[in-house]
C-alpha cells in the first residue's frame, strides 16, 4: 500500500479544474490535491473524465449518488417521473430537452 505522506504532489502529472476536459479517459489512479499541495483523496477510475462529469451531475441535481451515476453511465435508462422532475427543476429544462420518445418494438 502507498503511504500518501511519501508522495510529492508537485512531481505528479496534473490537470487544473478549469482544464478538466483534458482528464484521461483510460483507467488510472488519481489524487485530489488542495491548494496547499496536501492530498485530500486518492481514487481510482476506469474513466476519470466520465467520473468527473457524473460527479458534477450528481452534485448539481442532488439525486442520490447511485441514481445520478447510473443515469450518467447508461443513457438507455429511462428515469422515473420524480427523477425527471428533479432534473428538470435543477437544470431549468423540460423533459424533451434530454429524453427521446421511442416506440415499443414488437418482438413477437
PDB file of N, CA and C in Angstrom:
ATOM      1  N   UNK A   1       0.844  -1.177   0.000  1.00  0.00           N
ATOM      2  CA  UNK A   1       0.000   0.000   0.000  1.00  0.00           C
ATOM      3  C   UNK A   1       0.894   1.247   0.000  1.00  0.00           C
ATOM      4  N   UNK A   2       0.456   2.250  -0.730  1.00  0.00           N
ATOM      5  CA  UNK A   2       1.202   3.502  -0.835  1.00  0.00           C
ATOM      6  C   UNK A   2       0.863   4.395   0.352  1.00  0.00           C
ATOM      7  N   UNK A   3       1.881   4.964   0.934  1.00  0.00           N
ATOM      8  CA  UNK A   3       1.689   5.918   2.014  1.00  0.00           C
ATOM      9  C   UNK A   3       1.596   7.315   1.386  1.00  0.00           C
ATOM     10  N   UNK A   4       0.427   7.976   1.479  1.00  0.00           N
ATOM     11  CA  UNK A   4       0.262   9.300   0.864  1.00  0.00           C
ATOM     12  C   UNK A   4       1.283  10.329   1.355  1.00  0.00           C
ATOM     13  N   UNK A   5       1.825  10.121   2.552  1.00  0.00           N
ATOM     14  CA  UNK A   5       2.803  11.066   3.088  1.00  0.00           C
ATOM     15  C   UNK A   5       4.107  11.056   2.296  1.00  0.00           C
ATOM     16  N   UNK A   6       4.359   9.967   1.569  1.00  0.00           N
ATOM     17  CA  UNK A   6       5.617   9.867   0.817  1.00  0.00           C
ATOM     18  C   UNK A   6       5.485  10.363  -0.622  1.00  0.00           C
ATOM     19  N   UNK A   7       4.304  10.811  -1.019  1.00  0.00           N
ATOM     20  CA  UNK A   7       4.079  11.259  -2.394  1.00  0.00           C
ATOM     21  C   UNK A   7       4.271  12.769  -2.486  1.00  0.00           C
ATOM     22  N   UNK A   8       5.074  13.182  -3.433  1.00  0.00           N
ATOM     23  CA  UNK A   8       5.264  14.609  -3.681  1.00  0.00           C
ATOM     24  C   UNK A   8       4.311  15.023  -4.797  1.00  0.00           C
ATOM     25  N   UNK A   9       3.204  15.700  -4.453  1.00  0.00           N
ATOM     26  CA  UNK A   9       2.205  16.056  -5.467  1.00  0.00           C
ATOM     27  C   UNK A   9       2.753  16.919  -6.596  1.00  0.00           C
ATOM     28  N   UNK A  10       3.800  17.660  -6.327  1.00  0.00           N
ATOM     29  CA  UNK A  10       4.364  18.534  -7.357  1.00  0.00           C
ATOM     30  C   UNK A  10       5.047  17.754  -8.475  1.00  0.00           C
ATOM     31  N   UNK A  11       5.359  16.478  -8.222  1.00  0.00           N
ATOM     32  CA  UNK A  11       6.009  15.656  -9.233  1.00  0.00           C
ATOM     33  C   UNK A  11       5.022  14.837 -10.061  1.00  0.00           C
ATOM     34  N   UNK A  12       3.739  14.899  -9.714  1.00  0.00           N
ATOM     35  CA  UNK A  12       2.717  14.128 -10.419  1.00  0.00           C
ATOM     36  C   UNK A  12       2.168  14.909 -11.615  1.00  0.00           C
ATOM     37  N   UNK A  13       1.780  14.202 -12.674  1.00  0.00           N
ATOM     38  CA  UNK A  13       1.075  14.894 -13.765  1.00  0.00           C
ATOM     39  C   UNK A  13      -0.210  15.487 -13.186  1.00  0.00           C
ATOM     40  N   UNK A  14      -0.604  16.642 -13.661  1.00  0.00           N
ATOM     41  CA  UNK A  14      -1.783  17.266 -13.073  1.00  0.00           C
ATOM     42  C   UNK A  14      -2.667  17.918 -14.137  1.00  0.00           C
ATOM     43  N   UNK A  15      -3.933  18.090 -13.757  1.00  0.00           N
ATOM     44  CA  UNK A  15      -4.906  18.780 -14.590  1.00  0.00           C
ATOM     45  C   UNK A  15      -5.652  19.744 -13.687  1.00  0.00           C
ATOM     46  N   UNK A  16      -5.620  21.015 -14.012  1.00  0.00           N
ATOM     47  CA  UNK A  16      -6.360  22.005 -13.235  1.00  0.00           C
ATOM     48  C   UNK A  16      -7.852  21.822 -13.476  1.00  0.00           C
ATOM     49  N   UNK A  17      -8.668  22.211 -12.493  1.00  0.00           N
ATOM     50  CA  UNK A  17     -10.115  22.018 -12.621  1.00  0.00           C
ATOM     51  C   UNK A  17     -10.697  22.717 -13.840  1.00  0.00           C
ATOM     52  N   UNK A  18     -10.150  23.860 -14.209  1.00  0.00           N
ATOM     53  CA  UNK A  18     -10.691  24.550 -15.389  1.00  0.00           C
ATOM     54  C   UNK A  18     -10.241  23.899 -16.699  1.00  0.00           C
ATOM     55  N   UNK A  19      -9.390  22.877 -16.610  1.00  0.00           N
ATOM     56  CA  UNK A  19      -8.943  22.135 -17.786  1.00  0.00           C
ATOM     57  C   UNK A  19      -9.389  20.674 -17.710  1.00  0.00           C
ATOM     58  N   UNK A  20     -10.486  20.406 -16.999  1.00  0.00           N
ATOM     59  CA  UNK A  20     -10.907  19.023 -16.761  1.00  0.00           C
ATOM     60  C   UNK A  20     -11.254  18.269 -18.038  1.00  0.00           C
ATOM     61  N   UNK A  21     -11.474  18.974 -19.141  1.00  0.00           N
ATOM     62  CA  UNK A  21     -11.708  18.266 -20.409  1.00  0.00           C
ATOM     63  C   UNK A  21     -10.454  17.509 -20.839  1.00  0.00           C
ATOM     64  N   UNK A  22      -9.326  17.814 -20.220  1.00  0.00           N
ATOM     65  CA  UNK A  22      -8.064  17.149 -20.529  1.00  0.00           C
ATOM     66  C   UNK A  22      -7.848  15.888 -19.693  1.00  0.00           C
ATOM     67  N   UNK A  23      -8.805  15.588 -18.802  1.00  0.00           N
ATOM     68  CA  UNK A  23      -8.670  14.377 -17.997  1.00  0.00           C
ATOM     69  C   UNK A  23      -8.587  13.156 -18.909  1.00  0.00           C
ATOM     70  N   UNK A  24      -7.813  12.152 -18.503  1.00  0.00           N
ATOM     71  CA  UNK A  24      -7.714  10.952 -19.336  1.00  0.00           C
ATOM     72  C   UNK A  24      -9.019  10.160 -19.323  1.00  0.00           C
ATOM     73  N   UNK A  25      -9.224   9.371 -20.365  1.00  0.00           N
ATOM     74  CA  UNK A  25     -10.419   8.532 -20.418  1.00  0.00           C
ATOM     75  C   UNK A  25     -10.046   7.061 -20.257  1.00  0.00           C
ATOM     76  N   UNK A  26      -8.809   6.782 -19.869  1.00  0.00           N
ATOM     77  CA  UNK A  26      -8.382   5.415 -19.625  1.00  0.00           C
ATOM     78  C   UNK A  26      -8.184   5.194 -18.115  1.00  0.00           C
ATOM     79  N   UNK A  27      -8.182   3.942 -17.675  1.00  0.00           N
ATOM     80  CA  UNK A  27      -8.069   3.648 -16.241  1.00  0.00           C
ATOM     81  C   UNK A  27      -6.837   4.291 -15.605  1.00  0.00           C
ATOM     82  N   UNK A  28      -7.028   4.776 -14.385  1.00  0.00           N
ATOM     83  CA  UNK A  28      -5.906   5.369 -13.664  1.00  0.00           C
ATOM     84  C   UNK A  28      -6.241   5.516 -12.180  1.00  0.00           C
ATOM     85  N   UNK A  29      -5.237   5.843 -11.431  1.00  0.00           N
ATOM     86  CA  UNK A  29      -5.391   6.243 -10.034  1.00  0.00           C
ATOM     87  C   UNK A  29      -5.207   7.745 -10.029  1.00  0.00           C
ATOM     88  N   UNK A  30      -6.056   8.447  -9.287  1.00  0.00           N
ATOM     89  CA  UNK A  30      -5.967   9.901  -9.270  1.00  0.00           C
ATOM     90  C   UNK A  30      -5.916  10.412  -7.841  1.00  0.00           C
ATOM     91  N   UNK A  31      -5.404  11.619  -7.711  1.00  0.00           N
ATOM     92  CA  UNK A  31      -5.248  12.268  -6.420  1.00  0.00           C
ATOM     93  C   UNK A  31      -5.969  13.609  -6.452  1.00  0.00           C
ATOM     94  N   UNK A  32      -6.728  13.901  -5.412  1.00  0.00           N
ATOM     95  CA  UNK A  32      -7.311  15.235  -5.263  1.00  0.00           C
ATOM     96  C   UNK A  32      -6.397  15.981  -4.297  1.00  0.00           C
ATOM     97  N   UNK A  33      -5.859  17.085  -4.779  1.00  0.00           N
ATOM     98  CA  UNK A  33      -4.866  17.837  -4.013  1.00  0.00           C
ATOM     99  C   UNK A  33      -5.412  19.229  -3.750  1.00  0.00           C
ATOM    100  N   UNK A  34      -5.328  19.680  -2.498  1.00  0.00           N
ATOM    101  CA  UNK A  34      -5.851  21.011  -2.169  1.00  0.00           C
ATOM    102  C   UNK A  34      -4.846  22.103  -2.540  1.00  0.00           C
ATOM    103  N   UNK A  35      -5.245  23.344  -2.299  1.00  0.00           N
ATOM    104  CA  UNK A  35      -4.405  24.487  -2.696  1.00  0.00           C
ATOM    105  C   UNK A  35      -3.076  24.540  -1.960  1.00  0.00           C
ATOM    106  N   UNK A  36      -2.952  23.797  -0.850  1.00  0.00           N
ATOM    107  CA  UNK A  36      -1.689  23.763  -0.111  1.00  0.00           C
ATOM    108  C   UNK A  36      -0.787  22.622  -0.560  1.00  0.00           C
ATOM    109  N   UNK A  37      -1.271  21.860  -1.559  1.00  0.00           N
ATOM    110  CA  UNK A  37      -0.482  20.731  -2.052  1.00  0.00           C
ATOM    111  C   UNK A  37      -0.647  19.478  -1.208  1.00  0.00           C
ATOM    112  N   UNK A  38      -1.677  19.421  -0.359  1.00  0.00           N
ATOM    113  CA  UNK A  38      -1.904  18.267   0.501  1.00  0.00           C
ATOM    114  C   UNK A  38      -2.925  17.344  -0.169  1.00  0.00           C
ATOM    115  N   UNK A  39      -2.609  16.062  -0.214  1.00  0.00           N
ATOM    116  CA  UNK A  39      -3.507  15.084  -0.819  1.00  0.00           C
ATOM    117  C   UNK A  39      -4.719  14.911   0.084  1.00  0.00           C
ATOM    118  N   UNK A  40      -5.904  15.164  -0.488  1.00  0.00           N
ATOM    119  CA  UNK A  40      -7.146  15.030   0.263  1.00  0.00           C
ATOM    120  C   UNK A  40      -7.864  13.716  -0.052  1.00  0.00           C
ATOM    121  N   UNK A  41      -7.586  13.158  -1.214  1.00  0.00           N
ATOM    122  CA  UNK A  41      -8.297  11.960  -1.632  1.00  0.00           C
ATOM    123  C   UNK A  41      -7.486  11.226  -2.687  1.00  0.00           C
ATOM    124  N   UNK A  42      -7.490   9.898  -2.600  1.00  0.00           N
ATOM    125  CA  UNK A  42      -6.882   9.059  -3.626  1.00  0.00           C
ATOM    126  C   UNK A  42      -7.985   8.145  -4.129  1.00  0.00           C
ATOM    127  N   UNK A  43      -8.172   8.113  -5.430  1.00  0.00           N
ATOM    128  CA  UNK A  43      -9.227   7.281  -6.002  1.00  0.00           C
ATOM    129  C   UNK A  43      -8.741   6.555  -7.231  1.00  0.00           C
ATOM    130  N   UNK A  44      -9.592   5.712  -7.739  1.00  0.00           N
ATOM    131  CA  UNK A  44      -9.287   5.022  -8.991  1.00  0.00           C
ATOM    132  C   UNK A  44     -10.539   5.052  -9.853  1.00  0.00           C
ATOM    133  N   UNK A  45     -10.327   5.062 -11.130  1.00  0.00           N
ATOM    134  CA  UNK A  45     -11.460   5.144 -12.046  1.00  0.00           C
ATOM    135  C   UNK A  45     -11.104   4.489 -13.370  1.00  0.00           C
ATOM    136  N   UNK A  46     -12.085   3.856 -13.969  1.00  0.00           N
ATOM    137  CA  UNK A  46     -11.911   3.283 -15.302  1.00  0.00           C
ATOM    138  C   UNK A  46     -11.857   4.403 -16.332  1.00  0.00           C
ATOM    139  N   UNK A  47     -12.611   5.488 -16.074  1.00  0.00           N
ATOM    140  CA  UNK A  47     -12.659   6.623 -16.982  1.00  0.00           C
ATOM    141  C   UNK A  47     -12.819   7.899 -16.153  1.00  0.00           C
ATOM    142  N   UNK A  48     -11.716   8.544 -15.758  1.00  0.00           N
ATOM    143  CA  UNK A  48     -11.801   9.730 -14.901  1.00  0.00           C
ATOM    144  C   UNK A  48     -12.615  10.876 -15.501  1.00  0.00           C
ATOM    145  N   UNK A  49     -12.554  11.046 -16.815  1.00  0.00           N
ATOM    146  CA  UNK A  49     -13.318  12.119 -17.447  1.00  0.00           C
ATOM    147  C   UNK A  49     -14.820  11.885 -17.245  1.00  0.00           C
ATOM    148  N   UNK A  50     -15.268  10.658 -17.475  1.00  0.00           N
ATOM    149  CA  UNK A  50     -16.670  10.302 -17.282  1.00  0.00           C
ATOM    150  C   UNK A  50     -17.051  10.402 -15.805  1.00  0.00           C
ATOM    151  N   UNK A  51     -16.166   9.957 -14.933  1.00  0.00           N
ATOM    152  CA  UNK A  51     -16.442  10.012 -13.492  1.00  0.00           C
ATOM    153  C   UNK A  51     -16.612  11.455 -13.033  1.00  0.00           C
ATOM    154  N   UNK A  52     -15.773  12.351 -13.508  1.00  0.00           N
ATOM    155  CA  UNK A  52     -15.882  13.752 -13.114  1.00  0.00           C
ATOM    156  C   UNK A  52     -17.230  14.326 -13.546  1.00  0.00           C
ATOM    157  N   UNK A  53     -17.608  14.067 -14.787  1.00  0.00           N
ATOM    158  CA  UNK A  53     -18.873  14.586 -15.292  1.00  0.00           C
ATOM    159  C   UNK A  53     -20.063  13.998 -14.530  1.00  0.00           C
ATOM    160  N   UNK A  54     -20.014  12.706 -14.225  1.00  0.00           N
ATOM    161  CA  UNK A  54     -21.086  12.073 -13.450  1.00  0.00           C
ATOM    162  C   UNK A  54     -21.148  12.671 -12.051  1.00  0.00           C
ATOM    163  N   UNK A  55     -20.006  12.954 -11.472  1.00  0.00           N
ATOM    164  CA  UNK A  55     -19.954  13.542 -10.137  1.00  0.00           C
ATOM    165  C   UNK A  55     -20.570  14.945 -10.149  1.00  0.00           C
ATOM    166  N   UNK A  56     -20.270  15.719 -11.164  1.00  0.00           N
ATOM    167  CA  UNK A  56     -20.852  17.069 -11.270  1.00  0.00           C
ATOM    168  C   UNK A  56     -22.366  16.977 -11.450  1.00  0.00           C
ATOM    169  N   UNK A  57     -22.843  16.025 -12.257  1.00  0.00           N
ATOM    170  CA  UNK A  57     -24.278  15.816 -12.452  1.00  0.00           C
ATOM    171  C   UNK A  57     -24.941  15.490 -11.110  1.00  0.00           C
ATOM    172  N   UNK A  58     -24.311  14.629 -10.339  1.00  0.00           N
ATOM    173  CA  UNK A  58     -24.822  14.258  -9.012  1.00  0.00           C
ATOM    174  C   UNK A  58     -24.908  15.486  -8.107  1.00  0.00           C
ATOM    175  N   UNK A  59     -23.861  16.288  -8.077  1.00  0.00           N
ATOM    176  CA  UNK A  59     -23.845  17.477  -7.219  1.00  0.00           C
ATOM    177  C   UNK A  59     -24.894  18.498  -7.647  1.00  0.00           C
ATOM    178  N   UNK A  60     -25.037  18.700  -8.927  1.00  0.00           N
ATOM    179  CA  UNK A  60     -25.984  19.699  -9.436  1.00  0.00           C
ATOM    180  C   UNK A  60     -27.422  19.276  -9.179  1.00  0.00           C
ATOM    181  N   UNK A  61     -27.741  18.011  -9.448  1.00  0.00           N
ATOM    182  CA  UNK A  61     -29.131  17.569  -9.342  1.00  0.00           C
ATOM    183  C   UNK A  61     -29.558  17.244  -7.926  1.00  0.00           C
ATOM    184  N   UNK A  62     -28.619  16.828  -7.079  1.00  0.00           N
ATOM    185  CA  UNK A  62     -28.984  16.437  -5.724  1.00  0.00           C
ATOM    186  C   UNK A  62     -29.649  15.068  -5.662  1.00  0.00           C
ATOM    187  N   UNK A  63     -29.641  14.326  -6.780  1.00  0.00           N
ATOM    188  CA  UNK A  63     -30.165  12.958  -6.780  1.00  0.00           C
ATOM    189  C   UNK A  63     -29.261  12.093  -5.913  1.00  0.00           C
ATOM    190  N   UNK A  64     -29.727  10.904  -5.566  1.00  0.00           N
ATOM    191  CA  UNK A  64     -28.831  10.005  -4.849  1.00  0.00           C
ATOM    192  C   UNK A  64     -27.630   9.732  -5.757  1.00  0.00           C
ATOM    193  N   UNK A  65     -26.506   9.491  -5.147  1.00  0.00           N
ATOM    194  CA  UNK A  65     -25.288   9.272  -5.923  1.00  0.00           C
ATOM    195  C   UNK A  65     -25.458   8.090  -6.888  1.00  0.00           C
ATOM    196  N   UNK A  66     -26.044   6.986  -6.394  1.00  0.00           N
ATOM    197  CA  UNK A  66     -26.218   5.802  -7.238  1.00  0.00           C
ATOM    198  C   UNK A  66     -27.099   6.116  -8.446  1.00  0.00           C
ATOM    199  N   UNK A  67     -28.191   6.841  -8.223  1.00  0.00           N
ATOM    200  CA  UNK A  67     -29.098   7.186  -9.321  1.00  0.00           C
ATOM    201  C   UNK A  67     -28.404   8.086 -10.334  1.00  0.00           C
ATOM    202  N   UNK A  68     -27.730   9.115  -9.854  1.00  0.00           N
ATOM    203  CA  UNK A  68     -27.052  10.053 -10.759  1.00  0.00           C
ATOM    204  C   UNK A  68     -25.985   9.344 -11.593  1.00  0.00           C
ATOM    205  N   UNK A  69     -25.186   8.496 -10.970  1.00  0.00           N
ATOM    206  CA  UNK A  69     -24.120   7.819 -11.695  1.00  0.00           C
ATOM    207  C   UNK A  69     -24.705   6.806 -12.684  1.00  0.00           C
ATOM    208  N   UNK A  70     -25.774   6.103 -12.287  1.00  0.00           N
ATOM    209  CA  UNK A  70     -26.407   5.130 -13.182  1.00  0.00           C
ATOM    210  C   UNK A  70     -26.983   5.831 -14.414  1.00  0.00           C
ATOM    211  N   UNK A  71     -27.669   6.951 -14.196  1.00  0.00           N
ATOM    212  CA  UNK A  71     -28.237   7.698 -15.322  1.00  0.00           C
ATOM    213  C   UNK A  71     -27.144   8.247 -16.228  1.00  0.00           C
ATOM    214  N   UNK A  72     -26.057   8.711 -15.630  1.00  0.00           N
ATOM    215  CA  UNK A  72     -24.982   9.301 -16.422  1.00  0.00           C
ATOM    216  C   UNK A  72     -24.261   8.243 -17.256  1.00  0.00           C
ATOM    217  N   UNK A  73     -24.035   7.056 -16.663  1.00  0.00           N
ATOM    218  CA  UNK A  73     -23.296   5.999 -17.359  1.00  0.00           C
ATOM    219  C   UNK A  73     -24.119   5.296 -18.427  1.00  0.00           C
ATOM    220  N   UNK A  74     -25.401   5.051 -18.132  1.00  0.00           N
ATOM    221  CA  UNK A  74     -26.225   4.261 -19.047  1.00  0.00           C
ATOM    222  C   UNK A  74     -27.319   5.137 -19.639  1.00  0.00           C
ATOM    223  N   UNK A  75     -27.108   5.629 -20.840  1.00  0.00           N
ATOM    224  CA  UNK A  75     -28.048   6.559 -21.480  1.00  0.00           C
ATOM    225  C   UNK A  75     -29.340   5.868 -21.922  1.00  0.00           C
ATOM    226  N   UNK A  76     -29.402   4.526 -21.803  1.00  0.00           N
ATOM    227  CA  UNK A  76     -30.610   3.798 -22.178  1.00  0.00           C
ATOM    228  C   UNK A  76     -31.616   3.693 -21.034  1.00  0.00           C
ATOM    229  N   UNK A  77     -31.213   4.093 -19.842  1.00  0.00           N
ATOM    230  CA  UNK A  77     -32.115   4.034 -18.687  1.00  0.00           C
ATOM    231  C   UNK A  77     -33.100   5.192 -18.770  1.00  0.00           C
ATOM    232  N   UNK A  78     -34.369   4.878 -18.557  1.00  0.00           N
ATOM    233  CA  UNK A  78     -35.402   5.912 -18.550  1.00  0.00           C
ATOM    234  C   UNK A  78     -35.742   6.211 -17.091  1.00  0.00           C
ATOM    235  N   UNK A  79     -35.471   7.418 -16.611  1.00  0.00           N
ATOM    236  CA  UNK A  79     -35.727   7.734 -15.199  1.00  0.00           C
ATOM    237  C   UNK A  79     -37.214   7.814 -14.888  1.00  0.00           C
ATOM    238  N   UNK A  80     -37.553   7.572 -13.617  1.00  0.00           N
ATOM    239  CA  UNK A  80     -38.953   7.674 -13.217  1.00  0.00           C
ATOM    240  C   UNK A  80     -39.383   9.148 -13.183  1.00  0.00           C
ATOM    241  N   UNK A  81     -40.674   9.361 -13.014  1.00  0.00           N
ATOM    242  CA  UNK A  81     -41.243  10.717 -13.095  1.00  0.00           C
ATOM    243  C   UNK A  81     -40.624  11.675 -12.069  1.00  0.00           C
ATOM    244  N   UNK A  82     -40.469  11.205 -10.832  1.00  0.00           N
ATOM    245  CA  UNK A  82     -39.901  12.057  -9.781  1.00  0.00           C
ATOM    246  C   UNK A  82     -38.478  12.485 -10.140  1.00  0.00           C
ATOM    247  N   UNK A  83     -37.691  11.553 -10.653  1.00  0.00           N
ATOM    248  CA  UNK A  83     -36.313  11.864 -11.036  1.00  0.00           C
ATOM    249  C   UNK A  83     -36.286  12.878 -12.180  1.00  0.00           C
ATOM    250  N   UNK A  84     -37.156  12.701 -13.158  1.00  0.00           N
ATOM    251  CA  UNK A  84     -37.242  13.647 -14.281  1.00  0.00           C
ATOM    252  C   UNK A  84     -37.599  15.041 -13.759  1.00  0.00           C
ATOM    253  N   UNK A  85     -38.553  15.109 -12.834  1.00  0.00           N
ATOM    254  CA  UNK A  85     -38.959  16.404 -12.280  1.00  0.00           C
ATOM    255  C   UNK A  85     -37.801  17.081 -11.553  1.00  0.00           C
ATOM    256  N   UNK A  86     -37.029  16.315 -10.795  1.00  0.00           N
ATOM    257  CA  UNK A  86     -35.870  16.870 -10.085  1.00  0.00           C
ATOM    258  C   UNK A  86     -34.853  17.411 -11.087  1.00  0.00           C
ATOM    259  N   UNK A  87     -34.532  16.620 -12.094  1.00  0.00           N
ATOM    260  CA  UNK A  87     -33.551  17.043 -13.101  1.00  0.00           C
ATOM    261  C   UNK A  87     -34.028  18.307 -13.810  1.00  0.00           C
ATOM    262  N   UNK A  88     -35.294  18.317 -14.207  1.00  0.00           N
ATOM    263  CA  UNK A  88     -35.843  19.486 -14.916  1.00  0.00           C
ATOM    264  C   UNK A  88     -35.772  20.736 -14.051  1.00  0.00           C
ATOM    265  N   UNK A  89     -36.123  20.607 -12.785  1.00  0.00           N
ATOM    266  CA  UNK A  89     -36.108  21.763 -11.885  1.00  0.00           C
ATOM    267  C   UNK A  89     -34.684  22.290 -11.688  1.00  0.00           C
ATOM    268  N   UNK A  90     -33.746  21.383 -11.429  1.00  0.00           N
ATOM    269  CA  UNK A  90     -32.358  21.798 -11.164  1.00  0.00           C
ATOM    270  C   UNK A  90     -31.668  22.364 -12.403  1.00  0.00           C
ATOM    271  N   UNK A  91     -31.999  21.825 -13.578  1.00  0.00           N
ATOM    272  CA  UNK A  91     -31.335  22.258 -14.811  1.00  0.00           C
ATOM    273  C   UNK A  91     -32.167  23.254 -15.611  1.00  0.00           C
ATOM    274  N   UNK A  92     -33.320  23.650 -15.047  1.00  0.00           N
ATOM    275  CA  UNK A  92     -34.222  24.567 -15.731  1.00  0.00           C
ATOM    276  C   UNK A  92     -34.487  24.070 -17.157  1.00  0.00           C
ATOM    277  N   UNK A  93     -34.941  22.819 -17.234  1.00  0.00           N
ATOM    278  CA  UNK A  93     -35.143  22.172 -18.527  1.00  0.00           C
ATOM    279  C   UNK A  93     -36.516  21.525 -18.584  1.00  0.00           C
ATOM    280  N   UNK A  94     -36.870  21.080 -19.760  1.00  0.00           N
ATOM    281  CA  UNK A  94     -38.086  20.311 -19.983  1.00  0.00           C
ATOM    282  C   UNK A  94     -37.662  18.880 -20.334  1.00  0.00           C
ATOM    283  N   UNK A  95     -38.502  17.886 -20.037  1.00  0.00           N
ATOM    284  CA  UNK A  95     -38.121  16.502 -20.345  1.00  0.00           C
ATOM    285  C   UNK A  95     -37.684  16.290 -21.788  1.00  0.00           C
ATOM    286  N   UNK A  96     -38.297  16.984 -22.722  1.00  0.00           N
ATOM    287  CA  UNK A  96     -37.926  16.836 -24.130  1.00  0.00           C
ATOM    288  C   UNK A  96     -36.525  17.318 -24.447  1.00  0.00           C
ATOM    289  N   UNK A  97     -35.919  18.073 -23.523  1.00  0.00           N
ATOM    290  CA  UNK A  97     -34.553  18.552 -23.739  1.00  0.00           C
ATOM    291  C   UNK A  97     -33.527  17.432 -23.613  1.00  0.00           C
ATOM    292  N   UNK A  98     -33.879  16.358 -22.883  1.00  0.00           N
ATOM    293  CA  UNK A  98     -32.904  15.297 -22.680  1.00  0.00           C
ATOM    294  C   UNK A  98     -33.468  13.886 -22.826  1.00  0.00           C
ATOM    295  N   UNK A  99     -34.767  13.745 -23.079  1.00  0.00           N
ATOM    296  CA  UNK A  99     -35.364  12.432 -23.299  1.00  0.00           C
ATOM    297  C   UNK A  99     -35.891  12.353 -24.727  1.00  0.00           C
ATOM    298  N   UNK A 100     -35.788  11.199 -25.320  1.00  0.00           N
ATOM    299  CA  UNK A 100     -36.285  10.977 -26.667  1.00  0.00           C
ATOM    300  C   UNK A 100     -37.324   9.867 -26.630  1.00  0.00           C
ATOM    301  N   UNK A 101     -38.475  10.123 -27.231  1.00  0.00           N
ATOM    302  CA  UNK A 101     -39.522   9.105 -27.294  1.00  0.00           C
ATOM    303  C   UNK A 101     -39.163   8.069 -28.343  1.00  0.00           C
ATOM    304  N   UNK A 102     -39.290   6.814 -27.956  1.00  0.00           N
ATOM    305  CA  UNK A 102     -39.054   5.718 -28.894  1.00  0.00           C
ATOM    306  C   UNK A 102     -40.225   4.759 -28.782  1.00  0.00           C
ATOM    307  N   UNK A 103     -40.787   4.384 -29.913  1.00  0.00           N
ATOM    308  CA  UNK A 103     -41.906   3.453 -29.903  1.00  0.00           C
ATOM    309  C   UNK A 103     -41.439   2.075 -29.455  1.00  0.00           C
ATOM    310  N   UNK A 104     -42.368   1.351 -28.791  1.00  0.00           N
ATOM    311  CA  UNK A 104     -42.080  -0.015 -28.397  1.00  0.00           C
ATOM    312  C   UNK A 104     -41.895  -0.863 -29.654  1.00  0.00           C
ATOM    313  N   UNK A 105     -40.987  -1.775 -29.594  1.00  0.00           N
ATOM    314  CA  UNK A 105     -40.751  -2.680 -30.709  1.00  0.00           C
ATOM    315  C   UNK A 105     -41.409  -4.011 -30.377  1.00  0.00           C
ATOM    316  N   UNK A 106     -42.303  -4.452 -31.226  1.00  0.00           N
ATOM    317  CA  UNK A 106     -42.993  -5.714 -31.008  1.00  0.00           C
ATOM    318  C   UNK A 106     -42.073  -6.837 -31.465  1.00  0.00           C
ATOM    319  N   UNK A 107     -41.606  -7.627 -30.512  1.00  0.00           N
ATOM    320  CA  UNK A 107     -40.655  -8.696 -30.833  1.00  0.00           C
ATOM    321  C   UNK A 107     -41.355 -10.036 -31.022  1.00  0.00           C
ATOM    322  N   UNK A 108     -42.659 -10.025 -31.277  1.00  0.00           N
ATOM    323  CA  UNK A 108     -43.403 -11.289 -31.438  1.00  0.00           C
ATOM    324  C   UNK A 108     -43.148 -11.925 -32.774  1.00  0.00           C
TER     325      UNK A 108
END
